[in-house]
């Protein structure tokens, strides 16, 4: 019963909530404007949040007792936030809880590739874009000596993704340069889509149905 009552008192928290709590924990104290600047350089690289949400989330978490709020009495009357013991506790619980969720991918080049776009035409611009992003990540990584291990590991994950994108698009470009590799960009797009749909249907029929028990 006590556990149920504790869950009922727990405020509704989202990833945005934990980004706010985590950035404030790292900073010690911060204004919403501070959070916006730090998020642009760090967490927005793998979990983008509109800066207006950071402002409103700070106020909401303060009302929930997870942040302490203080406000200047003169000048711009800025609000500064610090973690409470309860906020620190919930942040630690969340960050140590395993997750099987996959990242959400919204990639225009992959979408165009799926619908029959010319791999060679897409590859050149994608290699350039991912090479620039890789250079940014590597410069940041070189400047992180002494930073918390989690920050370095998250950045190394991003570096790995960029290197894989460069490898993939470079292979697409190399294939297009091979003799006899040229194919109509959209000639077999419908066939490919039908093949993928058939494969998906076969996978669905082989998978356990809703009535299957999972333990």
C-alpha atoms as a PDB file:
ATOM      1  CA  UNK A   1       0.000   0.000   0.000  1.00  0.00           C
ATOM      2  CA  UNK A   2       2.822   2.409   0.863  1.00  0.00           C
ATOM      3  CA  UNK A   3       4.452   1.777  -2.535  1.00  0.00           C
ATOM      4  CA  UNK A   4       1.153   2.550  -4.287  1.00  0.00           C
ATOM      5  CA  UNK A   5       0.772   5.784  -2.349  1.00  0.00           C
ATOM      6  CA  UNK A   6       4.347   6.755  -3.235  1.00  0.00           C
ATOM      7  CA  UNK A   7       3.659   6.187  -6.962  1.00  0.00           C
ATOM      8  CA  UNK A   8       0.500   8.287  -6.760  1.00  0.00           C
ATOM      9  CA  UNK A   9       2.462  11.199  -5.314  1.00  0.00           C
ATOM     10  CA  UNK A  10       5.155  10.937  -7.968  1.00  0.00           C
ATOM     11  CA  UNK A  11       4.753  13.725 -10.570  1.00  0.00           C
ATOM     12  CA  UNK A  12       4.424  12.868 -14.250  1.00  0.00           C
ATOM     13  CA  UNK A  13       7.929  13.003 -15.678  1.00  0.00           C
ATOM     14  CA  UNK A  14       9.026  12.916 -19.313  1.00  0.00           C
ATOM     15  CA  UNK A  15      12.423  12.862 -21.006  1.00  0.00           C
ATOM     16  CA  UNK A  16      12.259  16.665 -21.041  1.00  0.00           C
ATOM     17  CA  UNK A  17      11.829  16.573 -17.261  1.00  0.00           C
ATOM     18  CA  UNK A  18      14.931  14.450 -16.843  1.00  0.00           C
ATOM     19  CA  UNK A  19      16.937  16.626 -19.241  1.00  0.00           C
ATOM     20  CA  UNK A  20      16.105  19.638 -17.052  1.00  0.00           C
ATOM     21  CA  UNK A  21      16.936  17.772 -13.845  1.00  0.00           C
ATOM     22  CA  UNK A  22      20.147  16.335 -15.291  1.00  0.00           C
ATOM     23  CA  UNK A  23      21.484  19.596 -16.699  1.00  0.00           C
ATOM     24  CA  UNK A  24      20.742  21.430 -13.451  1.00  0.00           C
ATOM     25  CA  UNK A  25      22.466  18.691 -11.463  1.00  0.00           C
ATOM     26  CA  UNK A  26      25.573  19.053 -13.624  1.00  0.00           C
ATOM     27  CA  UNK A  27      25.534  22.843 -13.389  1.00  0.00           C
ATOM     28  CA  UNK A  28      24.688  23.045  -9.689  1.00  0.00           C
ATOM     29  CA  UNK A  29      22.194  25.817 -10.416  1.00  0.00           C
ATOM     30  CA  UNK A  30      20.879  27.340 -13.623  1.00  0.00           C
ATOM     31  CA  UNK A  31      18.354  29.684 -15.175  1.00  0.00           C
ATOM     32  CA  UNK A  32      16.137  28.464 -18.026  1.00  0.00           C
ATOM     33  CA  UNK A  33      18.292  30.536 -20.389  1.00  0.00           C
ATOM     34  CA  UNK A  34      21.395  28.716 -19.102  1.00  0.00           C
ATOM     35  CA  UNK A  35      19.671  25.405 -19.798  1.00  0.00           C
ATOM     36  CA  UNK A  36      18.811  26.475 -23.344  1.00  0.00           C
ATOM     37  CA  UNK A  37      22.438  27.311 -24.134  1.00  0.00           C
ATOM     38  CA  UNK A  38      23.815  24.105 -22.619  1.00  0.00           C
ATOM     39  CA  UNK A  39      21.166  21.915 -24.274  1.00  0.00           C
ATOM     40  CA  UNK A  40      22.021  23.385 -27.692  1.00  0.00           C
ATOM     41  CA  UNK A  41      25.614  22.235 -27.243  1.00  0.00           C
ATOM     42  CA  UNK A  42      24.932  18.856 -25.627  1.00  0.00           C
ATOM     43  CA  UNK A  43      21.640  16.985 -25.313  1.00  0.00           C
ATOM     44  CA  UNK A  44      20.017  18.486 -28.419  1.00  0.00           C
ATOM     45  CA  UNK A  45      22.489  16.438 -30.458  1.00  0.00           C
ATOM     46  CA  UNK A  46      20.591  13.277 -29.516  1.00  0.00           C
ATOM     47  CA  UNK A  47      17.326  14.443 -27.915  1.00  0.00           C
ATOM     48  CA  UNK A  48      16.027  17.748 -29.251  1.00  0.00           C
ATOM     49  CA  UNK A  49      13.730  19.803 -27.016  1.00  0.00           C
ATOM     50  CA  UNK A  50      12.220  23.201 -27.968  1.00  0.00           C
ATOM     51  CA  UNK A  51      13.678  25.862 -25.673  1.00  0.00           C
ATOM     52  CA  UNK A  52      10.182  27.002 -24.648  1.00  0.00           C
ATOM     53  CA  UNK A  53       9.634  23.591 -23.046  1.00  0.00           C
ATOM     54  CA  UNK A  54      12.726  24.041 -20.915  1.00  0.00           C
ATOM     55  CA  UNK A  55      11.264  27.260 -19.486  1.00  0.00           C
ATOM     56  CA  UNK A  56       7.867  25.778 -18.683  1.00  0.00           C
ATOM     57  CA  UNK A  57       9.318  22.520 -17.368  1.00  0.00           C
ATOM     58  CA  UNK A  58      11.476  24.332 -14.818  1.00  0.00           C
ATOM     59  CA  UNK A  59       8.390  25.999 -13.337  1.00  0.00           C
ATOM     60  CA  UNK A  60       6.421  22.737 -13.331  1.00  0.00           C
ATOM     61  CA  UNK A  61       9.193  20.771 -11.622  1.00  0.00           C
ATOM     62  CA  UNK A  62       9.536  23.501  -8.991  1.00  0.00           C
ATOM     63  CA  UNK A  63       5.813  23.233  -8.218  1.00  0.00           C
ATOM     64  CA  UNK A  64       6.234  19.458  -7.938  1.00  0.00           C
ATOM     65  CA  UNK A  65       8.989  19.883  -5.368  1.00  0.00           C
ATOM     66  CA  UNK A  66      11.812  18.574  -7.534  1.00  0.00           C
ATOM     67  CA  UNK A  67      13.519  21.953  -7.960  1.00  0.00           C
ATOM     68  CA  UNK A  68      14.140  24.848  -5.593  1.00  0.00           C
ATOM     69  CA  UNK A  69      13.447  28.227  -7.176  1.00  0.00           C
ATOM     70  CA  UNK A  70      14.893  31.610  -6.281  1.00  0.00           C
ATOM     71  CA  UNK A  71      14.218  34.901  -8.062  1.00  0.00           C
ATOM     72  CA  UNK A  72      16.177  38.126  -8.270  1.00  0.00           C
ATOM     73  CA  UNK A  73      14.434  40.978  -6.514  1.00  0.00           C
ATOM     74  CA  UNK A  74      15.787  43.600  -8.901  1.00  0.00           C
ATOM     75  CA  UNK A  75      16.952  43.905 -12.496  1.00  0.00           C
ATOM     76  CA  UNK A  76      15.723  41.190 -14.832  1.00  0.00           C
ATOM     77  CA  UNK A  77      14.242  39.182 -11.929  1.00  0.00           C
ATOM     78  CA  UNK A  78      15.683  35.994 -13.332  1.00  0.00           C
ATOM     79  CA  UNK A  79      14.660  32.688 -11.783  1.00  0.00           C
ATOM     80  CA  UNK A  80      17.412  30.265 -10.768  1.00  0.00           C
ATOM     81  CA  UNK A  81      16.807  26.591 -10.044  1.00  0.00           C
ATOM     82  CA  UNK A  82      18.556  23.924  -7.972  1.00  0.00           C
ATOM     83  CA  UNK A  83      17.757  20.254  -7.460  1.00  0.00           C
ATOM     84  CA  UNK A  84      15.962  19.193  -4.303  1.00  0.00           C
ATOM     85  CA  UNK A  85      16.773  15.880  -2.633  1.00  0.00           C
ATOM     86  CA  UNK A  86      13.616  14.388  -4.181  1.00  0.00           C
ATOM     87  CA  UNK A  87      14.580  15.642  -7.643  1.00  0.00           C
ATOM     88  CA  UNK A  88      18.037  14.126  -7.289  1.00  0.00           C
ATOM     89  CA  UNK A  89      16.536  10.824  -6.139  1.00  0.00           C
ATOM     90  CA  UNK A  90      14.137  10.534  -9.090  1.00  0.00           C
ATOM     91  CA  UNK A  91      16.870  11.507 -11.563  1.00  0.00           C
ATOM     92  CA  UNK A  92      19.148   8.769 -10.199  1.00  0.00           C
ATOM     93  CA  UNK A  93      16.339   6.193 -10.393  1.00  0.00           C
ATOM     94  CA  UNK A  94      15.595   7.091 -14.006  1.00  0.00           C
ATOM     95  CA  UNK A  95      19.196   7.229 -15.227  1.00  0.00           C
ATOM     96  CA  UNK A  96      19.969   3.793 -13.777  1.00  0.00           C
ATOM     97  CA  UNK A  97      16.795   2.132 -15.093  1.00  0.00           C
ATOM     98  CA  UNK A  98      17.545  -0.069 -18.148  1.00  0.00           C
ATOM     99  CA  UNK A  99      15.607   0.617 -21.347  1.00  0.00           C
ATOM    100  CA  UNK A 100      14.981  -1.419 -24.492  1.00  0.00           C
ATOM    101  CA  UNK A 101      13.639   1.553 -26.458  1.00  0.00           C
ATOM    102  CA  UNK A 102      15.363   2.275 -29.771  1.00  0.00           C
ATOM    103  CA  UNK A 103      16.170   5.779 -30.900  1.00  0.00           C
ATOM    104  CA  UNK A 104      13.722   7.596 -33.163  1.00  0.00           C
ATOM    105  CA  UNK A 105      15.218   8.099 -36.621  1.00  0.00           C
ATOM    106  CA  UNK A 106      13.927  10.773 -38.993  1.00  0.00           C
ATOM    107  CA  UNK A 107      16.413  10.846 -41.842  1.00  0.00           C
ATOM    108  CA  UNK A 108      15.425  12.436 -45.157  1.00  0.00           C
ATOM    109  CA  UNK A 109      18.184  10.712 -47.129  1.00  0.00           C
ATOM    110  CA  UNK A 110      17.130   7.243 -45.941  1.00  0.00           C
ATOM    111  CA  UNK A 111      13.517   8.081 -46.762  1.00  0.00           C
ATOM    112  CA  UNK A 112      14.483   9.149 -50.301  1.00  0.00           C
ATOM    113  CA  UNK A 113      16.647   6.037 -50.681  1.00  0.00           C
ATOM    114  CA  UNK A 114      13.682   3.851 -49.715  1.00  0.00           C
ATOM    115  CA  UNK A 115      11.519   5.405 -52.412  1.00  0.00           C
ATOM    116  CA  UNK A 116      14.069   4.896 -55.183  1.00  0.00           C
ATOM    117  CA  UNK A 117      16.321   7.921 -54.902  1.00  0.00           C
ATOM    118  CA  UNK A 118      19.657   7.772 -56.727  1.00  0.00           C
ATOM    119  CA  UNK A 119      22.194   6.512 -54.127  1.00  0.00           C
ATOM    120  CA  UNK A 120      25.111   8.293 -55.807  1.00  0.00           C
ATOM    121  CA  UNK A 121      23.308  11.642 -55.904  1.00  0.00           C
ATOM    122  CA  UNK A 122      22.342  11.302 -52.233  1.00  0.00           C
ATOM    123  CA  UNK A 123      25.731   9.965 -51.144  1.00  0.00           C
ATOM    124  CA  UNK A 124      27.892  12.975 -51.975  1.00  0.00           C
ATOM    125  CA  UNK A 125      25.921  15.475 -49.901  1.00  0.00           C
ATOM    126  CA  UNK A 126      25.457  12.988 -47.059  1.00  0.00           C
ATOM    127  CA  UNK A 127      29.175  12.219 -46.848  1.00  0.00           C
ATOM    128  CA  UNK A 128      29.908  15.956 -46.674  1.00  0.00           C
ATOM    129  CA  UNK A 129      27.257  16.566 -44.006  1.00  0.00           C
ATOM    130  CA  UNK A 130      28.263  13.649 -41.781  1.00  0.00           C
ATOM    131  CA  UNK A 131      31.962  14.459 -42.177  1.00  0.00           C
ATOM    132  CA  UNK A 132      31.318  17.993 -40.910  1.00  0.00           C
ATOM    133  CA  UNK A 133      29.286  16.671 -37.974  1.00  0.00           C
ATOM    134  CA  UNK A 134      31.986  14.128 -37.150  1.00  0.00           C
ATOM    135  CA  UNK A 135      34.577  16.899 -37.070  1.00  0.00           C
ATOM    136  CA  UNK A 136      32.401  18.867 -34.644  1.00  0.00           C
ATOM    137  CA  UNK A 137      31.995  15.860 -32.344  1.00  0.00           C
ATOM    138  CA  UNK A 138      35.700  15.055 -32.431  1.00  0.00           C
ATOM    139  CA  UNK A 139      36.632  18.651 -31.549  1.00  0.00           C
ATOM    140  CA  UNK A 140      34.245  18.565 -28.603  1.00  0.00           C
ATOM    141  CA  UNK A 141      35.584  15.176 -27.516  1.00  0.00           C
ATOM    142  CA  UNK A 142      39.144  16.486 -27.551  1.00  0.00           C
ATOM    143  CA  UNK A 143      38.084  19.316 -25.232  1.00  0.00           C
ATOM    144  CA  UNK A 144      36.332  17.054 -22.693  1.00  0.00           C
ATOM    145  CA  UNK A 145      39.342  16.034 -20.652  1.00  0.00           C
ATOM    146  CA  UNK A 146      38.171  15.763 -17.067  1.00  0.00           C
ATOM    147  CA  UNK A 147      34.475  15.802 -18.009  1.00  0.00           C
ATOM    148  CA  UNK A 148      32.075  13.252 -16.474  1.00  0.00           C
ATOM    149  CA  UNK A 149      32.402   9.795 -18.040  1.00  0.00           C
ATOM    150  CA  UNK A 150      28.763   9.762 -19.130  1.00  0.00           C
ATOM    151  CA  UNK A 151      29.239  12.874 -21.274  1.00  0.00           C
ATOM    152  CA  UNK A 152      32.246  11.369 -23.003  1.00  0.00           C
ATOM    153  CA  UNK A 153      30.471   8.062 -23.628  1.00  0.00           C
ATOM    154  CA  UNK A 154      27.395   9.788 -25.116  1.00  0.00           C
ATOM    155  CA  UNK A 155      29.670  11.755 -27.436  1.00  0.00           C
ATOM    156  CA  UNK A 156      31.563   8.606 -28.451  1.00  0.00           C
ATOM    157  CA  UNK A 157      28.208   7.046 -29.346  1.00  0.00           C
ATOM    158  CA  UNK A 158      27.521   9.996 -31.640  1.00  0.00           C
ATOM    159  CA  UNK A 159      30.986   9.716 -33.178  1.00  0.00           C
ATOM    160  CA  UNK A 160      30.337   6.037 -33.891  1.00  0.00           C
ATOM    161  CA  UNK A 161      27.037   6.859 -35.609  1.00  0.00           C
ATOM    162  CA  UNK A 162      28.677   9.492 -37.824  1.00  0.00           C
ATOM    163  CA  UNK A 163      31.478   7.144 -38.837  1.00  0.00           C
ATOM    164  CA  UNK A 164      28.947   4.467 -39.760  1.00  0.00           C
ATOM    165  CA  UNK A 165      26.919   6.911 -41.852  1.00  0.00           C
ATOM    166  CA  UNK A 166      30.101   7.940 -43.679  1.00  0.00           C
ATOM    167  CA  UNK A 167      31.025   4.279 -44.247  1.00  0.00           C
ATOM    168  CA  UNK A 168      27.558   3.456 -45.600  1.00  0.00           C
ATOM    169  CA  UNK A 169      27.275   6.418 -47.975  1.00  0.00           C
ATOM    170  CA  UNK A 170      30.868   5.950 -49.138  1.00  0.00           C
ATOM    171  CA  UNK A 171      29.991   2.359 -50.069  1.00  0.00           C
ATOM    172  CA  UNK A 172      26.951   3.645 -52.002  1.00  0.00           C
ATOM    173  CA  UNK A 173      29.198   6.037 -53.912  1.00  0.00           C
ATOM    174  CA  UNK A 174      31.762   3.315 -54.615  1.00  0.00           C
ATOM    175  CA  UNK A 175      29.065   0.964 -55.930  1.00  0.00           C
ATOM    176  CA  UNK A 176      27.748   3.639 -58.274  1.00  0.00           C
ATOM    177  CA  UNK A 177      31.249   4.067 -59.710  1.00  0.00           C
ATOM    178  CA  UNK A 178      31.550   0.329 -60.449  1.00  0.00           C
ATOM    179  CA  UNK A 179      30.999  -0.795 -64.084  1.00  0.00           C
ATOM    180  CA  UNK A 180      27.496  -2.058 -64.729  1.00  0.00           C
ATOM    181  CA  UNK A 181      26.129  -0.741 -61.447  1.00  0.00           C
ATOM    182  CA  UNK A 182      23.908   1.968 -62.919  1.00  0.00           C
ATOM    183  CA  UNK A 183      20.177   1.271 -62.537  1.00  0.00           C
ATOM    184  CA  UNK A 184      17.079   3.390 -63.077  1.00  0.00           C
ATOM    185  CA  UNK A 185      16.473   5.375 -59.916  1.00  0.00           C
ATOM    186  CA  UNK A 186      12.768   4.500 -59.652  1.00  0.00           C
ATOM    187  CA  UNK A 187      12.506   1.580 -62.030  1.00  0.00           C
ATOM    188  CA  UNK A 188      12.016  -1.134 -59.429  1.00  0.00           C
ATOM    189  CA  UNK A 189      10.827   0.931 -56.499  1.00  0.00           C
ATOM    190  CA  UNK A 190       7.339  -0.597 -56.559  1.00  0.00           C
ATOM    191  CA  UNK A 191       8.774  -4.104 -56.714  1.00  0.00           C
ATOM    192  CA  UNK A 192      11.113  -3.418 -53.810  1.00  0.00           C
ATOM    193  CA  UNK A 193       8.270  -2.035 -51.741  1.00  0.00           C
ATOM    194  CA  UNK A 194       6.124  -5.095 -52.493  1.00  0.00           C
ATOM    195  CA  UNK A 195       8.997  -7.375 -51.492  1.00  0.00           C
ATOM    196  CA  UNK A 196       9.442  -5.554 -48.186  1.00  0.00           C
ATOM    197  CA  UNK A 197       5.696  -5.678 -47.525  1.00  0.00           C
ATOM    198  CA  UNK A 198       5.679  -9.434 -48.189  1.00  0.00           C
ATOM    199  CA  UNK A 199       8.627  -9.957 -45.843  1.00  0.00           C
ATOM    200  CA  UNK A 200       6.883  -7.911 -43.179  1.00  0.00           C
ATOM    201  CA  UNK A 201       3.710  -9.952 -43.559  1.00  0.00           C
ATOM    202  CA  UNK A 202       5.651 -13.214 -43.235  1.00  0.00           C
ATOM    203  CA  UNK A 203       7.385 -11.938 -40.098  1.00  0.00           C
ATOM    204  CA  UNK A 204       4.082 -10.877 -38.580  1.00  0.00           C
ATOM    205  CA  UNK A 205       2.504 -14.289 -39.227  1.00  0.00           C
ATOM    206  CA  UNK A 206       5.458 -16.022 -37.579  1.00  0.00           C
ATOM    207  CA  UNK A 207       5.441 -13.770 -34.534  1.00  0.00           C
ATOM    208  CA  UNK A 208       3.441 -14.674 -31.391  1.00  0.00           C
ATOM    209  CA  UNK A 209      -0.117 -13.351 -31.494  1.00  0.00           C
ATOM    210  CA  UNK A 210      -1.758 -11.169 -28.873  1.00  0.00           C
ATOM    211  CA  UNK A 211      -2.970 -14.234 -27.000  1.00  0.00           C
ATOM    212  CA  UNK A 212       0.564 -15.520 -26.411  1.00  0.00           C
ATOM    213  CA  UNK A 213       1.714 -15.279 -22.822  1.00  0.00           C
ATOM    214  CA  UNK A 214       4.926 -13.438 -22.042  1.00  0.00           C
ATOM    215  CA  UNK A 215       6.778 -14.091 -18.814  1.00  0.00           C
END
